[in-house]
């Protein structure tokens, strides 16, 4: 299911031997390259989880109370 803009993403990592295949990422900020005319989103990984439901819970908890990565 597609999430709203700016709320993060949940991705399944394609590796059969992983115990925690669900990865949660959030966008930190957007970098604009004026020479090339490209915008890129810098992302950080919140963590890897066993099930998609656990990943959803972690992402919802982060959006309710975001913390600083620095």
C-alpha atoms as a PDB file:
ATOM      1  CA  UNK A   1       0.000   0.000   0.000  1.00  0.00           C
ATOM      2  CA  UNK A   2       1.273   3.485  -0.856  1.00  0.00           C
ATOM      3  CA  UNK A   3       2.016   5.846   2.021  1.00  0.00           C
ATOM      4  CA  UNK A   4       1.514   9.616   2.024  1.00  0.00           C
ATOM      5  CA  UNK A   5       4.345  11.918   0.980  1.00  0.00           C
ATOM      6  CA  UNK A   6       6.926  12.525   3.699  1.00  0.00           C
ATOM      7  CA  UNK A   7       5.788   9.694   5.984  1.00  0.00           C
ATOM      8  CA  UNK A   8       8.568   7.226   5.148  1.00  0.00           C
ATOM      9  CA  UNK A   9       8.642   3.900   3.363  1.00  0.00           C
ATOM     10  CA  UNK A  10       8.715   0.189   4.093  1.00  0.00           C
ATOM     11  CA  UNK A  11      10.738  -2.004   1.742  1.00  0.00           C
ATOM     12  CA  UNK A  12      11.228  -5.767   1.628  1.00  0.00           C
ATOM     13  CA  UNK A  13      14.918  -6.587   1.175  1.00  0.00           C
ATOM     14  CA  UNK A  14      15.475  -9.264  -1.470  1.00  0.00           C
ATOM     15  CA  UNK A  15      17.690 -11.680   0.436  1.00  0.00           C
ATOM     16  CA  UNK A  16      16.496 -15.141   1.396  1.00  0.00           C
ATOM     17  CA  UNK A  17      18.828 -15.563   4.355  1.00  0.00           C
ATOM     18  CA  UNK A  18      17.758 -12.393   6.200  1.00  0.00           C
ATOM     19  CA  UNK A  19      16.046 -12.826   9.537  1.00  0.00           C
ATOM     20  CA  UNK A  20      14.696  -9.273   9.386  1.00  0.00           C
ATOM     21  CA  UNK A  21      13.750  -8.579   5.761  1.00  0.00           C
ATOM     22  CA  UNK A  22      11.596  -5.430   6.262  1.00  0.00           C
ATOM     23  CA  UNK A  23      13.495  -2.118   6.109  1.00  0.00           C
ATOM     24  CA  UNK A  24      12.031   1.213   7.292  1.00  0.00           C
ATOM     25  CA  UNK A  25      13.365   4.468   5.785  1.00  0.00           C
ATOM     26  CA  UNK A  26      12.466   8.126   6.332  1.00  0.00           C
ATOM     27  CA  UNK A  27      13.396  11.192   4.307  1.00  0.00           C
ATOM     28  CA  UNK A  28      15.601  13.613   6.232  1.00  0.00           C
ATOM     29  CA  UNK A  29      15.806  16.479   3.737  1.00  0.00           C
ATOM     30  CA  UNK A  30      16.005  17.248   0.043  1.00  0.00           C
ATOM     31  CA  UNK A  31      19.223  18.313  -1.691  1.00  0.00           C
ATOM     32  CA  UNK A  32      18.957  20.495  -4.809  1.00  0.00           C
ATOM     33  CA  UNK A  33      21.739  20.416  -7.410  1.00  0.00           C
ATOM     34  CA  UNK A  34      21.237  23.600  -9.447  1.00  0.00           C
ATOM     35  CA  UNK A  35      23.956  22.757 -11.998  1.00  0.00           C
ATOM     36  CA  UNK A  36      22.351  19.485 -13.074  1.00  0.00           C
ATOM     37  CA  UNK A  37      18.775  20.479 -12.231  1.00  0.00           C
ATOM     38  CA  UNK A  38      18.280  17.420 -10.033  1.00  0.00           C
ATOM     39  CA  UNK A  39      16.697  17.077  -6.597  1.00  0.00           C
ATOM     40  CA  UNK A  40      17.613  14.126  -4.395  1.00  0.00           C
ATOM     41  CA  UNK A  41      16.060  13.027  -1.132  1.00  0.00           C
ATOM     42  CA  UNK A  42      18.476  12.039   1.631  1.00  0.00           C
ATOM     43  CA  UNK A  43      17.106   9.115   3.631  1.00  0.00           C
ATOM     44  CA  UNK A  44      18.028   7.382   6.867  1.00  0.00           C
ATOM     45  CA  UNK A  45      17.193   3.838   7.875  1.00  0.00           C
ATOM     46  CA  UNK A  46      15.199   3.460  11.094  1.00  0.00           C
ATOM     47  CA  UNK A  47      15.826  -0.268  11.269  1.00  0.00           C
ATOM     48  CA  UNK A  48      15.113  -3.770  10.012  1.00  0.00           C
ATOM     49  CA  UNK A  49      12.132  -5.787  11.256  1.00  0.00           C
ATOM     50  CA  UNK A  50      10.877  -9.376  11.175  1.00  0.00           C
ATOM     51  CA  UNK A  51       7.353  -8.624   9.917  1.00  0.00           C
ATOM     52  CA  UNK A  52       5.659  -5.838   8.007  1.00  0.00           C
ATOM     53  CA  UNK A  53       3.339  -5.174  10.958  1.00  0.00           C
ATOM     54  CA  UNK A  54       6.319  -4.492  13.236  1.00  0.00           C
ATOM     55  CA  UNK A  55       7.764  -2.152  10.612  1.00  0.00           C
ATOM     56  CA  UNK A  56       4.423  -0.292  10.375  1.00  0.00           C
ATOM     57  CA  UNK A  57       4.326   0.114  14.173  1.00  0.00           C
ATOM     58  CA  UNK A  58       7.871   1.498  14.236  1.00  0.00           C
ATOM     59  CA  UNK A  59       7.131   3.963  11.438  1.00  0.00           C
ATOM     60  CA  UNK A  60       3.922   5.159  13.109  1.00  0.00           C
ATOM     61  CA  UNK A  61       5.789   5.599  16.409  1.00  0.00           C
ATOM     62  CA  UNK A  62       8.459   7.634  14.615  1.00  0.00           C
ATOM     63  CA  UNK A  63       5.940   9.903  12.873  1.00  0.00           C
ATOM     64  CA  UNK A  64       4.158  10.569  16.199  1.00  0.00           C
ATOM     65  CA  UNK A  65       7.387  11.555  17.952  1.00  0.00           C
ATOM     66  CA  UNK A  66      10.312  12.078  15.530  1.00  0.00           C
ATOM     67  CA  UNK A  67      13.810  12.285  16.951  1.00  0.00           C
ATOM     68  CA  UNK A  68      16.985  13.889  15.667  1.00  0.00           C
ATOM     69  CA  UNK A  69      19.447  11.617  13.826  1.00  0.00           C
ATOM     70  CA  UNK A  70      22.487  13.746  14.760  1.00  0.00           C
END
